[in-house]
Amino acid sequence: MRGMAFALLIALAAPAGAAPPRAGLLWAETALPRTLPLQVKTAPGADYYLVLRDASSGADVLGAYLQGGAFFRVLVPPGRYALKFARGPGADWAGEGALFGPATESFALEAPLDFAVTGAARKGGQIVDLRDPGAISVRRVGICQARSPARDDRLKPSPGVETGPPFTAPAMILRARICD
């Protein structure tokens, strides 16, 4: 009996909300590779829960938790997605079902966003800026990739090591940069 009373006392003393999860991807329901960038900029003071919903099927594809004011980027699969957000104090996080409890503010972007590989080496993604709730902005961003010859001494044979025919294997590396 004393054990039950102690457990009840601990349960009543515990905070109502669950600890917020670590920022980042919480779950993904897709077999497609997640390779395209989505960056979300937020202001400090509130945390966010993000769900990407497939614009054609209505299926939820992935969910993520964002800490307000912290850098956030996640890789998403190719497709067209509606972005739905819930915002609230991180201390009020009550899990994915109740989100931030009564303090939850929910909103969605007006139009779905496209994520696609264009050309041979451009991964097209999006940057969503939520820092000013009255003027949410979205802009496209890309990661452009190109192969270039490697200039790395580790790719050359060590002195005195017999390699057979002259060592002429052209080493290539993949270089990436942000492009518009």
C-alpha atoms as a PDB file:
ATOM      1  CA  MET A   1       0.000   0.000   0.000  1.00  0.00           C
ATOM      2  CA  ARG A   2       2.816   2.385   0.873  1.00  0.00           C
ATOM      3  CA  GLY A   3       4.383   1.695  -2.574  1.00  0.00           C
ATOM      4  CA  MET A   4       1.144   2.667  -4.355  1.00  0.00           C
ATOM      5  CA  ALA A   5       0.892   5.905  -2.371  1.00  0.00           C
ATOM      6  CA  PHE A   6       4.509   6.779  -3.263  1.00  0.00           C
ATOM      7  CA  ALA A   7       3.881   6.045  -6.981  1.00  0.00           C
ATOM      8  CA  LEU A   8       0.749   8.221  -6.914  1.00  0.00           C
ATOM      9  CA  LEU A   9       2.670  11.065  -5.261  1.00  0.00           C
ATOM     10  CA  ILE A  10       5.429  10.846  -7.909  1.00  0.00           C
ATOM     11  CA  ALA A  11       2.844  10.812 -10.723  1.00  0.00           C
ATOM     12  CA  LEU A  12       1.108  13.903  -9.341  1.00  0.00           C
ATOM     13  CA  ALA A  13       4.397  15.757  -8.903  1.00  0.00           C
ATOM     14  CA  ALA A  14       5.554  15.035 -12.478  1.00  0.00           C
ATOM     15  CA  PRO A  15       4.969  17.729 -15.095  1.00  0.00           C
ATOM     16  CA  ALA A  16       1.922  17.245 -17.322  1.00  0.00           C
ATOM     17  CA  GLY A  17       3.765  17.466 -20.649  1.00  0.00           C
ATOM     18  CA  ALA A  18       6.322  15.037 -21.981  1.00  0.00           C
ATOM     19  CA  ALA A  19       9.862  16.197 -22.578  1.00  0.00           C
ATOM     20  CA  PRO A  20      10.133  17.567 -26.100  1.00  0.00           C
ATOM     21  CA  PRO A  21      11.917  15.253 -28.532  1.00  0.00           C
ATOM     22  CA  ARG A  22      15.318  16.054 -29.955  1.00  0.00           C
ATOM     23  CA  ALA A  23      15.089  18.315 -32.977  1.00  0.00           C
ATOM     24  CA  GLY A  24      15.097  16.503 -36.293  1.00  0.00           C
ATOM     25  CA  LEU A  25      13.291  13.774 -38.160  1.00  0.00           C
ATOM     26  CA  LEU A  26      10.813  11.896 -35.936  1.00  0.00           C
ATOM     27  CA  TRP A  27       9.401   9.433 -38.466  1.00  0.00           C
ATOM     28  CA  ALA A  28       9.202   8.744 -42.202  1.00  0.00           C
ATOM     29  CA  GLU A  29       6.588   6.681 -44.043  1.00  0.00           C
ATOM     30  CA  THR A  30       8.133   6.392 -47.488  1.00  0.00           C
ATOM     31  CA  ALA A  31      10.257   3.979 -49.433  1.00  0.00           C
ATOM     32  CA  LEU A  32      11.604   6.796 -51.611  1.00  0.00           C
ATOM     33  CA  PRO A  33      15.116   8.054 -50.860  1.00  0.00           C
ATOM     34  CA  ARG A  34      15.219  11.244 -48.791  1.00  0.00           C
ATOM     35  CA  THR A  35      17.757  13.302 -50.755  1.00  0.00           C
ATOM     36  CA  LEU A  36      16.275  16.768 -51.335  1.00  0.00           C
ATOM     37  CA  PRO A  37      16.791  19.669 -48.914  1.00  0.00           C
ATOM     38  CA  LEU A  38      14.101  21.377 -46.854  1.00  0.00           C
ATOM     39  CA  GLN A  39      15.343  24.114 -44.546  1.00  0.00           C
ATOM     40  CA  VAL A  40      13.013  25.854 -42.095  1.00  0.00           C
ATOM     41  CA  LYS A  41      13.989  29.094 -40.361  1.00  0.00           C
ATOM     42  CA  THR A  42      12.223  29.875 -37.085  1.00  0.00           C
ATOM     43  CA  ALA A  43      12.427  32.491 -34.347  1.00  0.00           C
ATOM     44  CA  PRO A  44      13.210  31.613 -30.732  1.00  0.00           C
ATOM     45  CA  GLY A  45      10.321  31.375 -28.299  1.00  0.00           C
ATOM     46  CA  ALA A  46       8.307  28.497 -29.736  1.00  0.00           C
ATOM     47  CA  ASP A  47       9.015  25.000 -31.010  1.00  0.00           C
ATOM     48  CA  TYR A  48       7.403  23.449 -34.083  1.00  0.00           C
ATOM     49  CA  TYR A  49       6.069  20.100 -35.233  1.00  0.00           C
ATOM     50  CA  LEU A  50       6.160  19.642 -39.021  1.00  0.00           C
ATOM     51  CA  VAL A  51       4.309  17.118 -41.185  1.00  0.00           C
ATOM     52  CA  LEU A  52       4.873  16.740 -44.932  1.00  0.00           C
ATOM     53  CA  ARG A  53       1.742  15.444 -46.642  1.00  0.00           C
ATOM     54  CA  ASP A  54       1.787  14.110 -50.194  1.00  0.00           C
ATOM     55  CA  ALA A  55      -0.262  16.611 -52.224  1.00  0.00           C
ATOM     56  CA  SER A  56      -1.782  13.972 -54.525  1.00  0.00           C
ATOM     57  CA  SER A  57      -2.497  11.059 -52.163  1.00  0.00           C
ATOM     58  CA  GLY A  58      -2.988  12.951 -48.888  1.00  0.00           C
ATOM     59  CA  ALA A  59      -0.657  10.498 -47.110  1.00  0.00           C
ATOM     60  CA  ASP A  60       1.626  11.813 -44.391  1.00  0.00           C
ATOM     61  CA  VAL A  61       5.208  11.239 -45.525  1.00  0.00           C
ATOM     62  CA  LEU A  62       7.359  12.472 -42.655  1.00  0.00           C
ATOM     63  CA  GLY A  63       7.250  14.272 -39.347  1.00  0.00           C
ATOM     64  CA  ALA A  64       9.905  16.403 -37.674  1.00  0.00           C
ATOM     65  CA  TYR A  65      10.409  18.456 -34.522  1.00  0.00           C
ATOM     66  CA  LEU A  66      12.016  21.908 -34.732  1.00  0.00           C
ATOM     67  CA  GLN A  67      13.421  23.949 -31.858  1.00  0.00           C
ATOM     68  CA  GLY A  68      12.623  27.615 -32.321  1.00  0.00           C
ATOM     69  CA  GLY A  69      15.587  29.718 -33.405  1.00  0.00           C
ATOM     70  CA  ALA A  70      17.847  26.714 -34.120  1.00  0.00           C
ATOM     71  CA  PHE A  71      19.111  25.716 -37.554  1.00  0.00           C
ATOM     72  CA  PHE A  72      16.888  23.023 -39.074  1.00  0.00           C
ATOM     73  CA  ARG A  73      17.319  21.060 -42.284  1.00  0.00           C
ATOM     74  CA  VAL A  74      15.894  17.699 -43.264  1.00  0.00           C
ATOM     75  CA  LEU A  75      16.181  15.698 -46.465  1.00  0.00           C
ATOM     76  CA  VAL A  76      12.881  14.761 -48.088  1.00  0.00           C
ATOM     77  CA  PRO A  77      11.940  12.414 -50.933  1.00  0.00           C
ATOM     78  CA  PRO A  78      11.071  13.707 -54.395  1.00  0.00           C
ATOM     79  CA  GLY A  79       7.483  14.849 -54.715  1.00  0.00           C
ATOM     80  CA  ARG A  80       4.954  17.619 -54.144  1.00  0.00           C
ATOM     81  CA  TYR A  81       4.088  18.190 -50.496  1.00  0.00           C
ATOM     82  CA  ALA A  82       1.763  20.258 -48.371  1.00  0.00           C
ATOM     83  CA  LEU A  83       3.553  21.463 -45.233  1.00  0.00           C
ATOM     84  CA  LYS A  84       1.556  21.521 -41.997  1.00  0.00           C
ATOM     85  CA  PHE A  85       2.943  23.044 -38.818  1.00  0.00           C
ATOM     86  CA  ALA A  86       2.001  23.117 -35.158  1.00  0.00           C
ATOM     87  CA  ARG A  87       3.654  25.699 -32.924  1.00  0.00           C
ATOM     88  CA  GLY A  88       3.857  26.038 -29.157  1.00  0.00           C
ATOM     89  CA  PRO A  89       6.117  26.259 -26.129  1.00  0.00           C
ATOM     90  CA  GLY A  90       8.536  23.330 -26.034  1.00  0.00           C
ATOM     91  CA  ALA A  91       7.836  22.949 -22.303  1.00  0.00           C
ATOM     92  CA  ASP A  92       4.165  22.205 -23.157  1.00  0.00           C
ATOM     93  CA  TRP A  93       5.002  19.333 -25.555  1.00  0.00           C
ATOM     94  CA  ALA A  94       2.514  16.541 -24.875  1.00  0.00           C
ATOM     95  CA  GLY A  95       3.458  14.103 -27.655  1.00  0.00           C
ATOM     96  CA  GLU A  96       2.441  13.743 -31.287  1.00  0.00           C
ATOM     97  CA  GLY A  97      -1.220  13.220 -30.415  1.00  0.00           C
ATOM     98  CA  ALA A  98      -1.777  16.297 -28.244  1.00  0.00           C
ATOM     99  CA  LEU A  99       1.172  18.321 -29.624  1.00  0.00           C
ATOM    100  CA  PHE A 100       1.608  21.420 -27.414  1.00  0.00           C
ATOM    101  CA  GLY A 101      -1.714  20.924 -25.629  1.00  0.00           C
ATOM    102  CA  PRO A 102      -4.083  23.921 -25.437  1.00  0.00           C
ATOM    103  CA  ALA A 103      -1.223  26.239 -26.461  1.00  0.00           C
ATOM    104  CA  THR A 104      -0.975  24.578 -29.908  1.00  0.00           C
ATOM    105  CA  GLU A 105      -1.291  26.897 -32.911  1.00  0.00           C
ATOM    106  CA  SER A 106      -1.698  25.008 -36.200  1.00  0.00           C
ATOM    107  CA  PHE A 107      -1.197  26.360 -39.705  1.00  0.00           C
ATOM    108  CA  ALA A 108      -0.268  25.174 -43.183  1.00  0.00           C
ATOM    109  CA  LEU A 109       1.486  26.747 -46.144  1.00  0.00           C
ATOM    110  CA  GLU A 110      -0.981  27.942 -48.771  1.00  0.00           C
ATOM    111  CA  ALA A 111       0.479  25.969 -51.683  1.00  0.00           C
ATOM    112  CA  PRO A 112       2.281  22.630 -51.893  1.00  0.00           C
ATOM    113  CA  LEU A 113       6.043  22.716 -52.464  1.00  0.00           C
ATOM    114  CA  ASP A 114       7.946  20.781 -55.129  1.00  0.00           C
ATOM    115  CA  PHE A 115      11.059  18.748 -54.434  1.00  0.00           C
ATOM    116  CA  ALA A 116      12.772  17.204 -57.455  1.00  0.00           C
ATOM    117  CA  VAL A 117      16.044  16.385 -59.129  1.00  0.00           C
ATOM    118  CA  THR A 118      16.374  18.629 -62.173  1.00  0.00           C
ATOM    119  CA  GLY A 119      18.973  18.080 -64.814  1.00  0.00           C
ATOM    120  CA  ALA A 120      21.775  15.656 -64.198  1.00  0.00           C
ATOM    121  CA  ALA A 121      23.099  17.045 -60.947  1.00  0.00           C
ATOM    122  CA  ARG A 122      20.737  19.551 -59.285  1.00  0.00           C
ATOM    123  CA  LYS A 123      18.740  18.578 -56.216  1.00  0.00           C
ATOM    124  CA  GLY A 124      15.911  21.098 -55.957  1.00  0.00           C
ATOM    125  CA  GLY A 125      14.613  21.883 -52.486  1.00  0.00           C
ATOM    126  CA  GLN A 126      12.990  24.697 -50.522  1.00  0.00           C
ATOM    127  CA  ILE A 127      13.738  27.169 -47.728  1.00  0.00           C
ATOM    128  CA  VAL A 128      10.728  28.147 -45.600  1.00  0.00           C
ATOM    129  CA  ASP A 129      11.120  31.207 -43.368  1.00  0.00           C
ATOM    130  CA  LEU A 130       8.646  31.308 -40.458  1.00  0.00           C
ATOM    131  CA  ARG A 131      10.454  33.995 -38.429  1.00  0.00           C
ATOM    132  CA  ASP A 132       7.754  36.569 -39.221  1.00  0.00           C
ATOM    133  CA  PRO A 133       4.347  34.818 -38.901  1.00  0.00           C
ATOM    134  CA  GLY A 134       2.693  37.664 -40.804  1.00  0.00           C
ATOM    135  CA  ALA A 135       4.993  37.263 -43.800  1.00  0.00           C
ATOM    136  CA  ILE A 136       5.954  33.610 -44.261  1.00  0.00           C
ATOM    137  CA  SER A 137       8.324  33.302 -47.199  1.00  0.00           C
ATOM    138  CA  VAL A 138       9.348  30.359 -49.345  1.00  0.00           C
ATOM    139  CA  ARG A 139      12.172  30.205 -51.847  1.00  0.00           C
ATOM    140  CA  ARG A 140      13.685  27.479 -53.944  1.00  0.00           C
ATOM    141  CA  VAL A 141      17.202  26.281 -53.275  1.00  0.00           C
ATOM    142  CA  GLY A 142      19.312  23.704 -54.990  1.00  0.00           C
ATOM    143  CA  ILE A 143      22.333  21.617 -54.309  1.00  0.00           C
ATOM    144  CA  CYS A 144      24.395  21.402 -57.481  1.00  0.00           C
ATOM    145  CA  GLN A 145      26.844  18.559 -57.783  1.00  0.00           C
ATOM    146  CA  ALA A 146      29.731  18.074 -60.151  1.00  0.00           C
ATOM    147  CA  ARG A 147      32.476  15.530 -60.481  1.00  0.00           C
ATOM    148  CA  SER A 148      36.008  16.823 -60.536  1.00  0.00           C
ATOM    149  CA  PRO A 149      39.448  15.231 -60.501  1.00  0.00           C
ATOM    150  CA  ALA A 150      40.625  14.384 -57.008  1.00  0.00           C
ATOM    151  CA  ARG A 151      43.742  16.064 -55.762  1.00  0.00           C
ATOM    152  CA  ASP A 152      44.487  13.865 -52.818  1.00  0.00           C
ATOM    153  CA  ASP A 153      47.841  12.259 -52.125  1.00  0.00           C
ATOM    154  CA  ARG A 154      46.082   9.367 -50.388  1.00  0.00           C
ATOM    155  CA  LEU A 155      44.943   8.188 -53.828  1.00  0.00           C
ATOM    156  CA  LYS A 156      48.548   7.756 -55.059  1.00  0.00           C
ATOM    157  CA  PRO A 157      50.574   4.614 -54.369  1.00  0.00           C
ATOM    158  CA  SER A 158      53.123   4.751 -51.552  1.00  0.00           C
ATOM    159  CA  PRO A 159      56.786   5.136 -52.601  1.00  0.00           C
ATOM    160  CA  GLY A 160      58.413   1.785 -53.254  1.00  0.00           C
ATOM    161  CA  VAL A 161      55.104  -0.062 -53.671  1.00  0.00           C
ATOM    162  CA  GLU A 162      54.880  -2.041 -56.890  1.00  0.00           C
ATOM    163  CA  THR A 163      51.596  -1.237 -58.614  1.00  0.00           C
ATOM    164  CA  GLY A 164      52.088  -3.063 -61.892  1.00  0.00           C
ATOM    165  CA  PRO A 165      51.345  -0.861 -64.885  1.00  0.00           C
ATOM    166  CA  PRO A 166      51.842   2.843 -64.309  1.00  0.00           C
ATOM    167  CA  PHE A 167      49.339   4.171 -61.764  1.00  0.00           C
ATOM    168  CA  THR A 168      46.975   6.209 -63.921  1.00  0.00           C
ATOM    169  CA  ALA A 169      43.564   5.542 -62.400  1.00  0.00           C
ATOM    170  CA  PRO A 170      41.667   8.829 -62.685  1.00  0.00           C
ATOM    171  CA  ALA A 171      40.196   9.476 -59.277  1.00  0.00           C
ATOM    172  CA  MET A 172      37.019  11.556 -59.260  1.00  0.00           C
ATOM    173  CA  ILE A 173      35.268  13.135 -56.316  1.00  0.00           C
ATOM    174  CA  LEU A 174      31.812  14.645 -56.024  1.00  0.00           C
ATOM    175  CA  ARG A 175      31.697  18.311 -55.083  1.00  0.00           C
ATOM    176  CA  ALA A 176      28.488  20.033 -54.007  1.00  0.00           C
ATOM    177  CA  ARG A 177      27.522  23.685 -53.658  1.00  0.00           C
ATOM    178  CA  ILE A 178      24.341  25.639 -53.008  1.00  0.00           C
ATOM    179  CA  CYS A 179      22.843  27.022 -56.201  1.00  0.00           C
ATOM    180  CA  ASP A 180      19.598  28.766 -57.114  1.00  0.00           C
END
